[in-house]
Amino acid sequence: MDKKGENTMAGIGIFIGVFVIVIVGIALFQASAQNVGQVQDLLTIENRSLTGPAVDGTAQFFTDIKFIESVLVFNATGDVEVPADNYTIANNVINNGALVVSITPTTVAVELGMEAGTWTIDGTAQPLGFIPESGARSVAGLIAIFFALAIAVISMTPSLRSEVLRMMGK
């Protein structure tokens, strides 16, 4: 083959390699970027049911959150707020090997009959993957942005370094 044919074949190989890298990069970017929102956003919990909240002060667990704040607890009818001194909330508790939030009615709540039925709970919660430090949350978003920029640069570099643009008359 002449020199011109060899350069063309090498150029095609480079473009195929870049194409594969970009496709793999986009697949990885999609998988990682989807989780950035989950680790940065708080959940608003409204009317979360806590069934039969704890006869005799037994703890109940929320298994999909690790921290809850600004908590309001309502009784079974939903019209009476249970005073905060009638329950205890423990954040970041390990139960059966999982990170959970526990809520335990006090014995006073049991004596007042507030343990019967279903309590509903409102509050602001951190999901299990939430990053509590603001700096780390910012960096998580920046990682996704720089990953996207890296894919763009990798896809453009071979065409800018080769003479493809010159061969096309530009």
Protein backbone atom coordinates (compact mmCIF):
# COMPACT_ATOMS: atom_id res chain seq x y z
CA MET A 1 0.00 0.00 0.00
CA ASP A 2 1.14 3.51 -0.63
CA LYS A 3 1.68 6.07 2.08
CA LYS A 4 -1.69 7.70 1.50
CA GLY A 5 -3.54 4.39 2.01
CA GLU A 6 -1.59 3.61 5.16
CA ASN A 7 -2.49 6.99 6.67
CA THR A 8 -6.15 6.45 5.80
CA MET A 9 -6.20 3.03 7.45
CA ALA A 10 -4.50 4.36 10.57
CA GLY A 11 -7.03 7.21 10.68
CA ILE A 12 -9.94 4.77 10.44
CA GLY A 13 -8.48 2.72 13.28
CA ILE A 14 -8.17 5.81 15.45
CA PHE A 15 -11.75 6.83 14.73
CA ILE A 16 -13.06 3.33 15.52
CA GLY A 17 -11.10 3.36 18.80
CA VAL A 18 -12.46 6.80 19.70
CA PHE A 19 -15.98 5.67 18.79
CA VAL A 20 -15.73 2.70 21.16
CA ILE A 21 -14.27 4.87 23.95
CA VAL A 22 -17.05 7.44 23.55
CA ILE A 23 -19.80 4.80 23.60
CA VAL A 24 -18.36 3.18 26.76
CA GLY A 25 -17.88 6.64 28.31
CA ILE A 26 -21.48 7.64 27.61
CA ALA A 27 -22.75 4.40 29.15
CA LEU A 28 -20.66 4.94 32.28
CA PHE A 29 -21.63 8.62 32.42
CA GLN A 30 -25.32 7.79 32.28
CA ALA A 31 -25.00 5.26 35.11
CA SER A 32 -22.99 7.56 37.37
CA ALA A 33 -24.83 10.83 36.64
CA GLN A 34 -28.20 9.32 37.60
CA ASN A 35 -27.00 8.84 41.17
CA VAL A 36 -25.76 12.41 41.63
CA GLY A 37 -29.28 13.73 42.21
CA GLN A 38 -30.03 10.99 44.72
CA VAL A 39 -27.02 11.80 46.86
CA GLN A 40 -27.68 15.55 46.81
CA ASP A 41 -31.42 15.89 47.47
CA LEU A 42 -33.32 15.69 50.76
CA LEU A 43 -36.68 13.90 50.88
CA THR A 44 -39.86 15.51 52.15
CA ILE A 45 -41.87 12.92 54.03
CA GLU A 46 -45.59 13.51 54.32
CA ASN A 47 -48.09 11.15 55.95
CA ARG A 48 -45.62 8.29 56.24
CA SER A 49 -47.46 5.53 58.06
CA LEU A 50 -46.01 3.84 61.08
CA THR A 51 -48.31 0.90 61.59
CA GLY A 52 -49.18 -0.11 65.11
CA PRO A 53 -46.45 2.07 66.49
CA ALA A 54 -44.82 0.08 69.07
CA VAL A 55 -46.82 -1.57 71.72
CA ASP A 56 -45.11 -1.16 75.07
CA GLY A 57 -42.41 1.13 73.70
CA THR A 58 -41.06 -1.21 71.02
CA ALA A 59 -39.01 0.56 68.34
CA GLN A 60 -40.25 0.78 64.75
CA PHE A 61 -37.87 1.42 61.85
CA PHE A 62 -37.78 3.43 58.62
CA THR A 63 -35.43 1.41 56.44
CA ASP A 64 -35.17 3.77 53.45
CA ILE A 65 -33.78 6.83 55.26
CA LYS A 66 -30.86 7.43 57.60
CA PHE A 67 -31.74 10.78 59.19
CA ILE A 68 -34.97 12.69 59.80
CA GLU A 69 -35.53 16.20 61.16
CA SER A 70 -38.39 18.70 61.57
CA VAL A 71 -40.59 15.79 62.64
CA LEU A 72 -44.33 16.01 63.25
CA VAL A 73 -46.15 12.88 64.44
CA PHE A 74 -49.94 12.56 64.31
CA ASN A 75 -52.14 9.99 66.04
CA ALA A 76 -54.22 7.28 64.36
CA THR A 77 -57.02 9.67 63.42
CA GLY A 78 -54.54 12.12 61.91
CA ASP A 79 -56.03 15.14 63.62
CA VAL A 80 -54.08 15.23 66.89
CA GLU A 81 -50.35 15.88 66.96
CA VAL A 82 -48.51 13.55 69.30
CA PRO A 83 -46.33 15.66 71.63
CA ALA A 84 -42.60 15.21 71.08
CA ASP A 85 -42.04 13.96 74.61
CA ASN A 86 -44.18 10.90 73.81
CA TYR A 87 -41.73 9.37 71.34
CA THR A 88 -38.00 9.11 70.75
CA ILE A 89 -36.37 9.30 67.33
CA ALA A 90 -32.87 7.90 66.82
CA ASN A 91 -31.10 8.68 63.57
CA ASN A 92 -28.33 6.58 61.97
CA VAL A 93 -29.18 3.41 63.87
CA ILE A 94 -27.96 -0.02 62.78
CA ASN A 95 -30.75 -2.61 62.74
CA ASN A 96 -30.13 -6.08 61.28
CA GLY A 97 -27.02 -4.76 59.55
CA ALA A 98 -28.81 -1.85 57.84
CA LEU A 99 -28.73 1.87 58.54
CA VAL A 100 -32.20 3.02 59.66
CA VAL A 101 -34.14 5.63 61.63
CA SER A 102 -35.97 4.28 64.66
CA ILE A 103 -39.00 5.76 66.39
CA THR A 104 -40.01 4.51 69.82
CA PRO A 105 -43.13 5.61 71.69
CA THR A 106 -42.43 6.28 75.34
CA THR A 107 -44.28 4.43 78.06
CA VAL A 108 -46.25 7.65 78.63
CA ALA A 109 -47.60 7.41 75.08
CA VAL A 110 -48.60 3.82 75.73
CA GLU A 111 -50.37 4.80 78.95
CA LEU A 112 -52.25 7.60 77.14
CA GLY A 113 -53.41 5.16 74.47
CA MET A 114 -51.50 6.94 71.70
CA GLU A 115 -49.76 3.75 70.63
CA ALA A 116 -52.93 2.26 69.16
CA GLY A 117 -53.54 2.35 65.42
CA THR A 118 -51.34 4.02 62.86
CA TRP A 119 -49.26 7.11 63.39
CA THR A 120 -48.44 9.36 60.45
CA ILE A 121 -45.13 11.16 60.32
CA ASP A 122 -44.07 14.29 58.44
CA GLY A 123 -40.54 15.62 58.19
CA THR A 124 -37.42 16.18 56.12
CA ALA A 125 -35.21 13.13 55.65
CA GLN A 126 -31.87 12.13 54.20
CA PRO A 127 -32.05 9.07 51.91
CA LEU A 128 -29.55 6.27 52.50
CA GLY A 129 -27.04 7.49 49.88
CA PHE A 130 -27.24 11.17 50.85
CA ILE A 131 -23.93 13.03 51.24
CA PRO A 132 -24.27 15.21 54.35
CA GLU A 133 -21.26 17.48 53.68
CA SER A 134 -22.03 20.39 51.35
CA GLY A 135 -18.54 20.40 49.83
CA ALA A 136 -18.75 16.72 48.94
CA ARG A 137 -22.19 17.25 47.35
CA SER A 138 -20.71 20.03 45.19
CA VAL A 139 -17.81 17.85 44.14
CA ALA A 140 -20.20 15.03 43.17
CA GLY A 141 -21.90 17.36 40.70
CA LEU A 142 -18.55 18.60 39.37
CA ILE A 143 -17.33 15.05 38.78
CA ALA A 144 -20.25 14.43 36.42
CA ILE A 145 -19.60 17.70 34.57
CA PHE A 146 -15.88 17.00 34.13
CA PHE A 147 -16.61 13.44 33.03
CA ALA A 148 -18.89 14.81 30.28
CA LEU A 149 -16.20 17.30 29.25
CA ALA A 150 -13.61 14.52 29.13
CA ILE A 151 -15.83 12.50 26.78
CA ALA A 152 -16.21 15.57 24.53
CA VAL A 153 -12.46 16.25 24.46
CA ILE A 154 -11.64 12.60 23.74
CA SER A 155 -14.11 12.57 20.86
CA MET A 156 -12.67 15.75 19.30
CA THR A 157 -8.93 15.20 19.83
CA PRO A 158 -8.22 12.73 16.99
CA SER A 159 -9.94 14.88 14.36
CA LEU A 160 -8.11 17.99 15.52
CA ARG A 161 -4.72 16.25 15.64
CA SER A 162 -5.08 14.51 12.30
CA GLU A 163 -5.32 16.19 8.96
CA VAL A 164 -8.95 15.23 8.47
CA LEU A 165 -10.13 18.81 8.48
CA ARG A 166 -7.42 19.81 5.98
CA MET A 167 -8.30 16.89 3.72
CA MET A 168 -11.93 17.96 3.73
CA GLY A 169 -10.93 21.42 2.58
CA LYS A 170 -11.47 23.30 5.82
